[in-house]
């Protein structure tokens, strides 16, 4: 059985990713509904009749229908996935360049 060992940079990157998941997830959880109530207040201040109030309530309820967990997950994992893909692409590019220069025939 082959033992898979991580390099120092991989361990550091995984540790930073775990820290970001905790910090980004908690930030996304805390700020998920920040814009809902101010938008509702603006909508209520612009009311002209009862139908407008119902429209404001429907808009607010639609915004609150998205669970906090979804916002927290998007904030925690979205940037992380992008960063991992960019770093993985960079590593593959460097490997391909090194392989190209090693494989060139010497004169």
PDB file of N, CA and C in Angstrom:
ATOM      1  N   UNK A   1       0.825  -1.171   0.000  1.00  0.00           N
ATOM      2  CA  UNK A   1       0.000   0.000   0.000  1.00  0.00           C
ATOM      3  C   UNK A   1       0.878   1.246   0.000  1.00  0.00           C
ATOM      4  N   UNK A   2       0.559   2.191  -0.884  1.00  0.00           N
ATOM      5  CA  UNK A   2       1.356   3.393  -1.019  1.00  0.00           C
ATOM      6  C   UNK A   2       0.907   4.439   0.005  1.00  0.00           C
ATOM      7  N   UNK A   3       1.859   5.019   0.684  1.00  0.00           N
ATOM      8  CA  UNK A   3       1.560   6.065   1.654  1.00  0.00           C
ATOM      9  C   UNK A   3       1.656   7.416   0.946  1.00  0.00           C
ATOM     10  N   UNK A   4       0.602   8.190   1.044  1.00  0.00           N
ATOM     11  CA  UNK A   4       0.558   9.489   0.397  1.00  0.00           C
ATOM     12  C   UNK A   4       0.933  10.563   1.406  1.00  0.00           C
ATOM     13  N   UNK A   5       1.999  11.265   1.152  1.00  0.00           N
ATOM     14  CA  UNK A   5       2.449  12.323   2.050  1.00  0.00           C
ATOM     15  C   UNK A   5       2.261  13.679   1.386  1.00  0.00           C
ATOM     16  N   UNK A   6       1.824  14.630   2.193  1.00  0.00           N
ATOM     17  CA  UNK A   6       1.654  15.984   1.698  1.00  0.00           C
ATOM     18  C   UNK A   6       2.928  16.787   1.913  1.00  0.00           C
ATOM     19  N   UNK A   7       3.207  17.691   0.981  1.00  0.00           N
ATOM     20  CA  UNK A   7       4.352  18.564   1.159  1.00  0.00           C
ATOM     21  C   UNK A   7       4.000  19.646   2.174  1.00  0.00           C
ATOM     22  N   UNK A   8       5.007  20.392   2.562  1.00  0.00           N
ATOM     23  CA  UNK A   8       4.786  21.454   3.537  1.00  0.00           C
ATOM     24  C   UNK A   8       3.801  22.488   3.002  1.00  0.00           C
ATOM     25  N   UNK A   9       3.928  22.859   1.721  1.00  0.00           N
ATOM     26  CA  UNK A   9       3.031  23.849   1.125  1.00  0.00           C
ATOM     27  C   UNK A   9       1.598  23.336   1.051  1.00  0.00           C
ATOM     28  N   UNK A  10       1.430  22.074   0.774  1.00  0.00           N
ATOM     29  CA  UNK A  10       0.082  21.510   0.731  1.00  0.00           C
ATOM     30  C   UNK A  10      -0.559  21.522   2.115  1.00  0.00           C
ATOM     31  N   UNK A  11       0.217  21.189   3.136  1.00  0.00           N
ATOM     32  CA  UNK A  11      -0.312  21.223   4.507  1.00  0.00           C
ATOM     33  C   UNK A  11      -0.686  22.641   4.919  1.00  0.00           C
ATOM     34  N   UNK A  12       0.154  23.614   4.556  1.00  0.00           N
ATOM     35  CA  UNK A  12      -0.142  25.013   4.880  1.00  0.00           C
ATOM     36  C   UNK A  12      -1.408  25.458   4.166  1.00  0.00           C
ATOM     37  N   UNK A  13      -1.530  25.107   2.884  1.00  0.00           N
ATOM     38  CA  UNK A  13      -2.686  25.519   2.094  1.00  0.00           C
ATOM     39  C   UNK A  13      -3.970  24.878   2.617  1.00  0.00           C
ATOM     40  N   UNK A  14      -3.899  23.637   3.053  1.00  0.00           N
ATOM     41  CA  UNK A  14      -5.074  22.976   3.628  1.00  0.00           C
ATOM     42  C   UNK A  14      -5.451  23.626   4.958  1.00  0.00           C
ATOM     43  N   UNK A  15      -4.466  23.955   5.779  1.00  0.00           N
ATOM     44  CA  UNK A  15      -4.755  24.621   7.055  1.00  0.00           C
ATOM     45  C   UNK A  15      -5.387  25.989   6.818  1.00  0.00           C
ATOM     46  N   UNK A  16      -4.864  26.755   5.857  1.00  0.00           N
ATOM     47  CA  UNK A  16      -5.450  28.061   5.548  1.00  0.00           C
ATOM     48  C   UNK A  16      -6.863  27.909   4.985  1.00  0.00           C
ATOM     49  N   UNK A  17      -7.103  26.851   4.227  1.00  0.00           N
ATOM     50  CA  UNK A  17      -8.443  26.607   3.694  1.00  0.00           C
ATOM     51  C   UNK A  17      -9.434  26.310   4.809  1.00  0.00           C
ATOM     52  N   UNK A  18      -9.023  25.522   5.767  1.00  0.00           N
ATOM     53  CA  UNK A  18      -9.903  25.217   6.897  1.00  0.00           C
ATOM     54  C   UNK A  18     -10.199  26.461   7.727  1.00  0.00           C
ATOM     55  N   UNK A  19      -9.191  27.301   7.906  1.00  0.00           N
ATOM     56  CA  UNK A  19      -9.406  28.559   8.631  1.00  0.00           C
ATOM     57  C   UNK A  19     -10.383  29.441   7.865  1.00  0.00           C
ATOM     58  N   UNK A  20     -10.228  29.506   6.527  1.00  0.00           N
ATOM     59  CA  UNK A  20     -11.143  30.320   5.722  1.00  0.00           C
ATOM     60  C   UNK A  20     -12.570  29.772   5.774  1.00  0.00           C
ATOM     61  N   UNK A  21     -12.718  28.460   5.782  1.00  0.00           N
ATOM     62  CA  UNK A  21     -14.059  27.877   5.850  1.00  0.00           C
ATOM     63  C   UNK A  21     -14.764  28.321   7.139  1.00  0.00           C
ATOM     64  N   UNK A  22     -14.047  28.323   8.243  1.00  0.00           N
ATOM     65  CA  UNK A  22     -14.646  28.740   9.515  1.00  0.00           C
ATOM     66  C   UNK A  22     -14.954  30.236   9.501  1.00  0.00           C
ATOM     67  N   UNK A  23     -13.992  31.047   9.097  1.00  0.00           N
ATOM     68  CA  UNK A  23     -14.183  32.504   9.119  1.00  0.00           C
ATOM     69  C   UNK A  23     -15.206  32.929   8.065  1.00  0.00           C
ATOM     70  N   UNK A  24     -15.058  32.453   6.839  1.00  0.00           N
ATOM     71  CA  UNK A  24     -15.986  32.833   5.775  1.00  0.00           C
ATOM     72  C   UNK A  24     -17.393  32.331   6.026  1.00  0.00           C
ATOM     73  N   UNK A  25     -17.521  31.122   6.558  1.00  0.00           N
ATOM     74  CA  UNK A  25     -18.835  30.584   6.866  1.00  0.00           C
ATOM     75  C   UNK A  25     -19.542  31.364   7.953  1.00  0.00           C
ATOM     76  N   UNK A  26     -18.807  31.725   8.979  1.00  0.00           N
ATOM     77  CA  UNK A  26     -19.435  32.502  10.056  1.00  0.00           C
ATOM     78  C   UNK A  26     -19.786  33.906   9.575  1.00  0.00           C
ATOM     79  N   UNK A  27     -18.948  34.497   8.721  1.00  0.00           N
ATOM     80  CA  UNK A  27     -19.259  35.815   8.177  1.00  0.00           C
ATOM     81  C   UNK A  27     -20.502  35.748   7.283  1.00  0.00           C
ATOM     82  N   UNK A  28     -20.591  34.730   6.439  1.00  0.00           N
ATOM     83  CA  UNK A  28     -21.757  34.556   5.579  1.00  0.00           C
ATOM     84  C   UNK A  28     -23.024  34.308   6.377  1.00  0.00           C
ATOM     85  N   UNK A  29     -22.910  33.573   7.449  1.00  0.00           N
ATOM     86  CA  UNK A  29     -24.065  33.307   8.325  1.00  0.00           C
ATOM     87  C   UNK A  29     -24.539  34.600   8.987  1.00  0.00           C
ATOM     88  N   UNK A  30     -23.594  35.373   9.489  1.00  0.00           N
ATOM     89  CA  UNK A  30     -23.933  36.590  10.223  1.00  0.00           C
ATOM     90  C   UNK A  30     -24.534  37.665   9.311  1.00  0.00           C
ATOM     91  N   UNK A  31     -24.063  37.766   8.082  1.00  0.00           N
ATOM     92  CA  UNK A  31     -24.478  38.855   7.198  1.00  0.00           C
ATOM     93  C   UNK A  31     -25.427  38.404   6.086  1.00  0.00           C
ATOM     94  N   UNK A  32     -26.096  37.284   6.267  1.00  0.00           N
ATOM     95  CA  UNK A  32     -26.969  36.751   5.222  1.00  0.00           C
ATOM     96  C   UNK A  32     -28.161  37.649   4.941  1.00  0.00           C
ATOM     97  N   UNK A  33     -28.721  38.248   5.960  1.00  0.00           N
ATOM     98  CA  UNK A  33     -29.951  39.029   5.785  1.00  0.00           C
ATOM     99  C   UNK A  33     -29.736  40.526   6.019  1.00  0.00           C
ATOM    100  N   UNK A  34     -28.531  41.005   5.835  1.00  0.00           N
ATOM    101  CA  UNK A  34     -28.239  42.418   6.113  1.00  0.00           C
ATOM    102  C   UNK A  34     -29.046  43.381   5.248  1.00  0.00           C
ATOM    103  N   UNK A  35     -29.270  43.032   4.014  1.00  0.00           N
ATOM    104  CA  UNK A  35     -29.913  43.964   3.089  1.00  0.00           C
ATOM    105  C   UNK A  35     -31.435  43.829   3.073  1.00  0.00           C
ATOM    106  N   UNK A  36     -31.975  42.777   3.652  1.00  0.00           N
ATOM    107  CA  UNK A  36     -33.415  42.515   3.555  1.00  0.00           C
ATOM    108  C   UNK A  36     -34.243  43.573   4.293  1.00  0.00           C
ATOM    109  N   UNK A  37     -33.935  43.839   5.540  1.00  0.00           N
ATOM    110  CA  UNK A  37     -34.735  44.781   6.325  1.00  0.00           C
ATOM    111  C   UNK A  37     -34.627  46.226   5.835  1.00  0.00           C
ATOM    112  N   UNK A  38     -33.440  46.741   5.489  1.00  0.00           N
ATOM    113  CA  UNK A  38     -33.403  48.101   4.932  1.00  0.00           C
ATOM    114  C   UNK A  38     -34.192  48.230   3.622  1.00  0.00           C
ATOM    115  N   UNK A  39     -34.136  47.222   2.769  1.00  0.00           N
ATOM    116  CA  UNK A  39     -34.918  47.252   1.537  1.00  0.00           C
ATOM    117  C   UNK A  39     -36.412  47.238   1.840  1.00  0.00           C
ATOM    118  N   UNK A  40     -36.798  46.491   2.872  1.00  0.00           N
ATOM    119  CA  UNK A  40     -38.210  46.441   3.265  1.00  0.00           C
ATOM    120  C   UNK A  40     -38.675  47.806   3.785  1.00  0.00           C
ATOM    121  N   UNK A  41     -37.842  48.469   4.564  1.00  0.00           N
ATOM    122  CA  UNK A  41     -38.193  49.785   5.101  1.00  0.00           C
ATOM    123  C   UNK A  41     -38.348  50.796   3.964  1.00  0.00           C
ATOM    124  N   UNK A  42     -37.450  50.760   2.987  1.00  0.00           N
ATOM    125  CA  UNK A  42     -37.555  51.660   1.837  1.00  0.00           C
ATOM    126  C   UNK A  42     -38.840  51.382   1.073  1.00  0.00           C
ATOM    127  N   UNK A  43     -39.161  50.125   0.907  1.00  0.00           N
ATOM    128  CA  UNK A  43     -40.381  49.742   0.197  1.00  0.00           C
ATOM    129  C   UNK A  43     -41.621  50.215   0.954  1.00  0.00           C
ATOM    130  N   UNK A  44     -41.632  50.049   2.270  1.00  0.00           N
ATOM    131  CA  UNK A  44     -42.783  50.454   3.082  1.00  0.00           C
ATOM    132  C   UNK A  44     -42.949  51.976   3.060  1.00  0.00           C
ATOM    133  N   UNK A  45     -41.860  52.720   3.063  1.00  0.00           N
ATOM    134  CA  UNK A  45     -41.939  54.181   3.015  1.00  0.00           C
ATOM    135  C   UNK A  45     -42.503  54.686   1.688  1.00  0.00           C
ATOM    136  N   UNK A  46     -42.386  53.884   0.633  1.00  0.00           N
ATOM    137  CA  UNK A  46     -42.886  54.287  -0.678  1.00  0.00           C
ATOM    138  C   UNK A  46     -44.295  53.757  -0.947  1.00  0.00           C
ATOM    139  N   UNK A  47     -44.980  53.273   0.083  1.00  0.00           N
ATOM    140  CA  UNK A  47     -46.310  52.662  -0.087  1.00  0.00           C
ATOM    141  C   UNK A  47     -47.354  53.726  -0.413  1.00  0.00           C
ATOM    142  N   UNK A  48     -48.205  53.391  -1.385  1.00  0.00           N
ATOM    143  CA  UNK A  48     -49.325  54.273  -1.719  1.00  0.00           C
ATOM    144  C   UNK A  48     -50.668  53.616  -1.432  1.00  0.00           C
ATOM    145  N   UNK A  49     -50.706  52.270  -1.476  1.00  0.00           N
ATOM    146  CA  UNK A  49     -51.968  51.579  -1.160  1.00  0.00           C
ATOM    147  C   UNK A  49     -51.669  50.223  -0.526  1.00  0.00           C
ATOM    148  N   UNK A  50     -52.717  49.488  -0.165  1.00  0.00           N
ATOM    149  CA  UNK A  50     -52.562  48.206   0.545  1.00  0.00           C
ATOM    150  C   UNK A  50     -51.906  47.144  -0.322  1.00  0.00           C
ATOM    151  N   UNK A  51     -52.119  47.201  -1.623  1.00  0.00           N
ATOM    152  CA  UNK A  51     -51.501  46.210  -2.512  1.00  0.00           C
ATOM    153  C   UNK A  51     -49.985  46.364  -2.522  1.00  0.00           C
ATOM    154  N   UNK A  52     -49.510  47.594  -2.385  1.00  0.00           N
ATOM    155  CA  UNK A  52     -48.067  47.822  -2.330  1.00  0.00           C
ATOM    156  C   UNK A  52     -47.458  47.209  -1.072  1.00  0.00           C
ATOM    157  N   UNK A  53     -48.186  47.286   0.049  1.00  0.00           N
ATOM    158  CA  UNK A  53     -47.699  46.679   1.287  1.00  0.00           C
ATOM    159  C   UNK A  53     -47.575  45.172   1.128  1.00  0.00           C
ATOM    160  N   UNK A  54     -48.557  44.572   0.480  1.00  0.00           N
ATOM    161  CA  UNK A  54     -48.498  43.123   0.259  1.00  0.00           C
ATOM    162  C   UNK A  54     -47.331  42.762  -0.662  1.00  0.00           C
ATOM    163  N   UNK A  55     -47.072  43.583  -1.657  1.00  0.00           N
ATOM    164  CA  UNK A  55     -45.936  43.349  -2.552  1.00  0.00           C
ATOM    165  C   UNK A  55     -44.620  43.462  -1.792  1.00  0.00           C
ATOM    166  N   UNK A  56     -44.524  44.421  -0.878  1.00  0.00           N
ATOM    167  CA  UNK A  56     -43.309  44.567  -0.052  1.00  0.00           C
ATOM    168  C   UNK A  56     -43.103  43.341   0.835  1.00  0.00           C
ATOM    169  N   UNK A  57     -44.186  42.865   1.419  1.00  0.00           N
ATOM    170  CA  UNK A  57     -44.087  41.669   2.272  1.00  0.00           C
ATOM    171  C   UNK A  57     -43.679  40.447   1.467  1.00  0.00           C
ATOM    172  N   UNK A  58     -44.235  40.306   0.284  1.00  0.00           N
ATOM    173  CA  UNK A  58     -43.866  39.160  -0.570  1.00  0.00           C
ATOM    174  C   UNK A  58     -42.398  39.225  -0.970  1.00  0.00           C
ATOM    175  N   UNK A  59     -41.918  40.418  -1.302  1.00  0.00           N
ATOM    176  CA  UNK A  59     -40.503  40.575  -1.658  1.00  0.00           C
ATOM    177  C   UNK A  59     -39.603  40.228  -0.481  1.00  0.00           C
ATOM    178  N   UNK A  60     -39.970  40.689   0.713  1.00  0.00           N
ATOM    179  CA  UNK A  60     -39.178  40.398   1.911  1.00  0.00           C
ATOM    180  C   UNK A  60     -39.193  38.903   2.234  1.00  0.00           C
ATOM    181  N   UNK A  61     -40.361  38.281   2.144  1.00  0.00           N
ATOM    182  CA  UNK A  61     -40.450  36.844   2.421  1.00  0.00           C
ATOM    183  C   UNK A  61     -39.672  36.023   1.407  1.00  0.00           C
ATOM    184  N   UNK A  62     -39.662  36.466   0.155  1.00  0.00           N
ATOM    185  CA  UNK A  62     -38.872  35.765  -0.868  1.00  0.00           C
ATOM    186  C   UNK A  62     -37.387  35.861  -0.546  1.00  0.00           C
ATOM    187  N   UNK A  63     -36.934  37.037  -0.100  1.00  0.00           N
ATOM    188  CA  UNK A  63     -35.526  37.215   0.255  1.00  0.00           C
ATOM    189  C   UNK A  63     -35.159  36.397   1.486  1.00  0.00           C
ATOM    190  N   UNK A  64     -36.090  36.261   2.424  1.00  0.00           N
ATOM    191  CA  UNK A  64     -35.818  35.478   3.638  1.00  0.00           C
ATOM    192  C   UNK A  64     -35.952  33.975   3.407  1.00  0.00           C
ATOM    193  N   UNK A  65     -36.492  33.579   2.259  1.00  0.00           N
ATOM    194  CA  UNK A  65     -36.684  32.155   1.982  1.00  0.00           C
ATOM    195  C   UNK A  65     -35.363  31.432   1.741  1.00  0.00           C
ATOM    196  N   UNK A  66     -34.345  32.179   1.345  1.00  0.00           N
ATOM    197  CA  UNK A  66     -33.026  31.566   1.150  1.00  0.00           C
ATOM    198  C   UNK A  66     -32.425  31.338   2.531  1.00  0.00           C
ATOM    199  N   UNK A  67     -32.140  30.096   2.882  1.00  0.00           N
ATOM    200  CA  UNK A  67     -31.621  29.815   4.222  1.00  0.00           C
ATOM    201  C   UNK A  67     -30.244  30.440   4.453  1.00  0.00           C
ATOM    202  N   UNK A  68     -29.973  30.734   5.691  1.00  0.00           N
ATOM    203  CA  UNK A  68     -28.668  31.290   6.047  1.00  0.00           C
ATOM    204  C   UNK A  68     -27.526  30.348   5.699  1.00  0.00           C
ATOM    205  N   UNK A  69     -27.785  29.068   5.802  1.00  0.00           N
ATOM    206  CA  UNK A  69     -26.745  28.088   5.498  1.00  0.00           C
ATOM    207  C   UNK A  69     -26.272  28.165   4.064  1.00  0.00           C
ATOM    208  N   UNK A  70     -27.170  28.491   3.153  1.00  0.00           N
ATOM    209  CA  UNK A  70     -26.791  28.624   1.746  1.00  0.00           C
ATOM    210  C   UNK A  70     -25.833  29.801   1.580  1.00  0.00           C
ATOM    211  N   UNK A  71     -26.160  30.922   2.201  1.00  0.00           N
ATOM    212  CA  UNK A  71     -25.274  32.087   2.132  1.00  0.00           C
ATOM    213  C   UNK A  71     -23.918  31.790   2.758  1.00  0.00           C
ATOM    214  N   UNK A  72     -23.939  31.122   3.882  1.00  0.00           N
ATOM    215  CA  UNK A  72     -22.681  30.790   4.557  1.00  0.00           C
ATOM    216  C   UNK A  72     -21.841  29.847   3.703  1.00  0.00           C
ATOM    217  N   UNK A  73     -22.479  28.888   3.058  1.00  0.00           N
ATOM    218  CA  UNK A  73     -21.748  27.938   2.218  1.00  0.00           C
ATOM    219  C   UNK A  73     -21.157  28.620   0.996  1.00  0.00           C
ATOM    220  N   UNK A  74     -21.914  29.511   0.387  1.00  0.00           N
ATOM    221  CA  UNK A  74     -21.409  30.218  -0.792  1.00  0.00           C
ATOM    222  C   UNK A  74     -20.214  31.082  -0.429  1.00  0.00           C
ATOM    223  N   UNK A  75     -20.297  31.792   0.687  1.00  0.00           N
ATOM    224  CA  UNK A  75     -19.189  32.658   1.104  1.00  0.00           C
ATOM    225  C   UNK A  75     -17.977  31.825   1.515  1.00  0.00           C
ATOM    226  N   UNK A  76     -18.195  30.689   2.148  1.00  0.00           N
ATOM    227  CA  UNK A  76     -17.076  29.880   2.634  1.00  0.00           C
ATOM    228  C   UNK A  76     -16.409  29.094   1.514  1.00  0.00           C
ATOM    229  N   UNK A  77     -17.203  28.505   0.628  1.00  0.00           N
ATOM    230  CA  UNK A  77     -16.624  27.600  -0.357  1.00  0.00           C
ATOM    231  C   UNK A  77     -16.399  28.212  -1.735  1.00  0.00           C
ATOM    232  N   UNK A  78     -17.155  29.257  -2.079  1.00  0.00           N
ATOM    233  CA  UNK A  78     -17.019  29.862  -3.402  1.00  0.00           C
ATOM    234  C   UNK A  78     -15.614  30.360  -3.691  1.00  0.00           C
ATOM    235  N   UNK A  79     -15.092  31.286  -2.883  1.00  0.00           N
ATOM    236  CA  UNK A  79     -13.734  31.763  -3.138  1.00  0.00           C
ATOM    237  C   UNK A  79     -12.688  30.671  -2.983  1.00  0.00           C
ATOM    238  N   UNK A  80     -12.939  29.739  -2.088  1.00  0.00           N
ATOM    239  CA  UNK A  80     -11.989  28.660  -1.855  1.00  0.00           C
ATOM    240  C   UNK A  80     -11.836  27.776  -3.083  1.00  0.00           C
ATOM    241  N   UNK A  81     -12.939  27.463  -3.735  1.00  0.00           N
ATOM    242  CA  UNK A  81     -12.892  26.643  -4.947  1.00  0.00           C
ATOM    243  C   UNK A  81     -12.124  27.364  -6.038  1.00  0.00           C
ATOM    244  N   UNK A  82     -12.371  28.662  -6.191  1.00  0.00           N
ATOM    245  CA  UNK A  82     -11.668  29.439  -7.216  1.00  0.00           C
ATOM    246  C   UNK A  82     -10.168  29.449  -6.937  1.00  0.00           C
ATOM    247  N   UNK A  83      -9.788  29.692  -5.697  1.00  0.00           N
ATOM    248  CA  UNK A  83      -8.362  29.744  -5.348  1.00  0.00           C
ATOM    249  C   UNK A  83      -7.701  28.386  -5.570  1.00  0.00           C
ATOM    250  N   UNK A  84      -8.352  27.304  -5.158  1.00  0.00           N
ATOM    251  CA  UNK A  84      -7.784  25.971  -5.363  1.00  0.00           C
ATOM    252  C   UNK A  84      -7.610  25.672  -6.847  1.00  0.00           C
ATOM    253  N   UNK A  85      -8.604  26.020  -7.658  1.00  0.00           N
ATOM    254  CA  UNK A  85      -8.491  25.759  -9.096  1.00  0.00           C
ATOM    255  C   UNK A  85      -7.387  26.582  -9.743  1.00  0.00           C
ATOM    256  N   UNK A  86      -7.241  27.840  -9.332  1.00  0.00           N
ATOM    257  CA  UNK A  86      -6.172  28.678  -9.876  1.00  0.00           C
ATOM    258  C   UNK A  86      -4.809  28.117  -9.475  1.00  0.00           C
ATOM    259  N   UNK A  87      -4.645  27.747  -8.223  1.00  0.00           N
ATOM    260  CA  UNK A  87      -3.361  27.181  -7.769  1.00  0.00           C
ATOM    261  C   UNK A  87      -3.069  25.853  -8.455  1.00  0.00           C
ATOM    262  N   UNK A  88      -4.076  25.014  -8.608  1.00  0.00           N
ATOM    263  CA  UNK A  88      -3.881  23.734  -9.289  1.00  0.00           C
ATOM    264  C   UNK A  88      -3.491  23.965 -10.748  1.00  0.00           C
ATOM    265  N   UNK A  89      -4.144  24.918 -11.394  1.00  0.00           N
ATOM    266  CA  UNK A  89      -3.792  25.247 -12.773  1.00  0.00           C
ATOM    267  C   UNK A  89      -2.373  25.774 -12.879  1.00  0.00           C
ATOM    268  N   UNK A  90      -1.956  26.601 -11.911  1.00  0.00           N
ATOM    269  CA  UNK A  90      -0.598  27.119 -11.905  1.00  0.00           C
ATOM    270  C   UNK A  90       0.422  25.995 -11.733  1.00  0.00           C
ATOM    271  N   UNK A  91       0.147  25.062 -10.834  1.00  0.00           N
ATOM    272  CA  UNK A  91       1.049  23.930 -10.627  1.00  0.00           C
ATOM    273  C   UNK A  91       1.152  23.089 -11.900  1.00  0.00           C
ATOM    274  N   UNK A  92       0.023  22.831 -12.548  1.00  0.00           N
ATOM    275  CA  UNK A  92       0.052  22.068 -13.798  1.00  0.00           C
ATOM    276  C   UNK A  92       0.828  22.802 -14.885  1.00  0.00           C
ATOM    277  N   UNK A  93       0.675  24.115 -14.956  1.00  0.00           N
ATOM    278  CA  UNK A  93       1.403  24.901 -15.948  1.00  0.00           C
ATOM    279  C   UNK A  93       2.903  24.833 -15.703  1.00  0.00           C
ATOM    280  N   UNK A  94       3.314  24.964 -14.446  1.00  0.00           N
ATOM    281  CA  UNK A  94       4.744  24.892 -14.114  1.00  0.00           C
ATOM    282  C   UNK A  94       5.285  23.509 -14.432  1.00  0.00           C
ATOM    283  N   UNK A  95       4.544  22.459 -14.121  1.00  0.00           N
ATOM    284  CA  UNK A  95       4.999  21.103 -14.431  1.00  0.00           C
ATOM    285  C   UNK A  95       5.145  20.887 -15.927  1.00  0.00           C
ATOM    286  N   UNK A  96       4.185  21.413 -16.686  1.00  0.00           N
ATOM    287  CA  UNK A  96       4.242  21.257 -18.141  1.00  0.00           C
ATOM    288  C   UNK A  96       5.436  22.009 -18.723  1.00  0.00           C
ATOM    289  N   UNK A  97       5.718  23.201 -18.211  1.00  0.00           N
ATOM    290  CA  UNK A  97       6.865  23.975 -18.695  1.00  0.00           C
ATOM    291  C   UNK A  97       8.166  23.257 -18.345  1.00  0.00           C
ATOM    292  N   UNK A  98       8.277  22.741 -17.133  1.00  0.00           N
ATOM    293  CA  UNK A  98       9.488  22.014 -16.743  1.00  0.00           C
ATOM    294  C   UNK A  98       9.687  20.770 -17.596  1.00  0.00           C
ATOM    295  N   UNK A  99       8.599  20.047 -17.839  1.00  0.00           N
ATOM    296  CA  UNK A  99       8.677  18.832 -18.651  1.00  0.00           C
ATOM    297  C   UNK A  99       9.101  19.173 -20.081  1.00  0.00           C
ATOM    298  N   UNK A 100       8.628  20.277 -20.604  1.00  0.00           N
ATOM    299  CA  UNK A 100       8.949  20.686 -21.968  1.00  0.00           C
ATOM    300  C   UNK A 100      10.434  21.001 -22.099  1.00  0.00           C
ATOM    301  N   UNK A 101      10.998  21.698 -21.102  1.00  0.00           N
ATOM    302  CA  UNK A 101      12.408  22.055 -21.181  1.00  0.00           C
ATOM    303  C   UNK A 101      13.309  20.854 -20.910  1.00  0.00           C
ATOM    304  N   UNK A 102      12.880  19.905 -20.101  1.00  0.00           N
ATOM    305  CA  UNK A 102      13.673  18.701 -19.860  1.00  0.00           C
ATOM    306  C   UNK A 102      13.677  17.770 -21.056  1.00  0.00           C
ATOM    307  N   UNK A 103      12.579  17.720 -21.765  1.00  0.00           N
ATOM    308  CA  UNK A 103      12.445  16.774 -22.873  1.00  0.00           C
ATOM    309  C   UNK A 103      13.081  17.273 -24.156  1.00  0.00           C
ATOM    310  N   UNK A 104      13.522  18.523 -24.201  1.00  0.00           N
ATOM    311  CA  UNK A 104      14.105  19.038 -25.440  1.00  0.00           C
ATOM    312  C   UNK A 104      15.459  18.369 -25.695  1.00  0.00           C
ATOM    313  N   UNK A 105      15.682  17.968 -26.948  1.00  0.00           N
ATOM    314  CA  UNK A 105      16.951  17.278 -27.267  1.00  0.00           C
ATOM    315  C   UNK A 105      18.124  18.252 -27.210  1.00  0.00           C
ATOM    316  N   UNK A 106      19.224  17.769 -26.709  1.00  0.00           N
ATOM    317  CA  UNK A 106      20.416  18.617 -26.628  1.00  0.00           C
ATOM    318  C   UNK A 106      21.213  18.495 -27.922  1.00  0.00           C
ATOM    319  N   UNK A 107      21.799  19.598 -28.338  1.00  0.00           N
ATOM    320  CA  UNK A 107      22.583  19.612 -29.593  1.00  0.00           C
ATOM    321  C   UNK A 107      24.010  19.292 -29.370  1.00  0.00           C
TER     322      UNK A 107
END
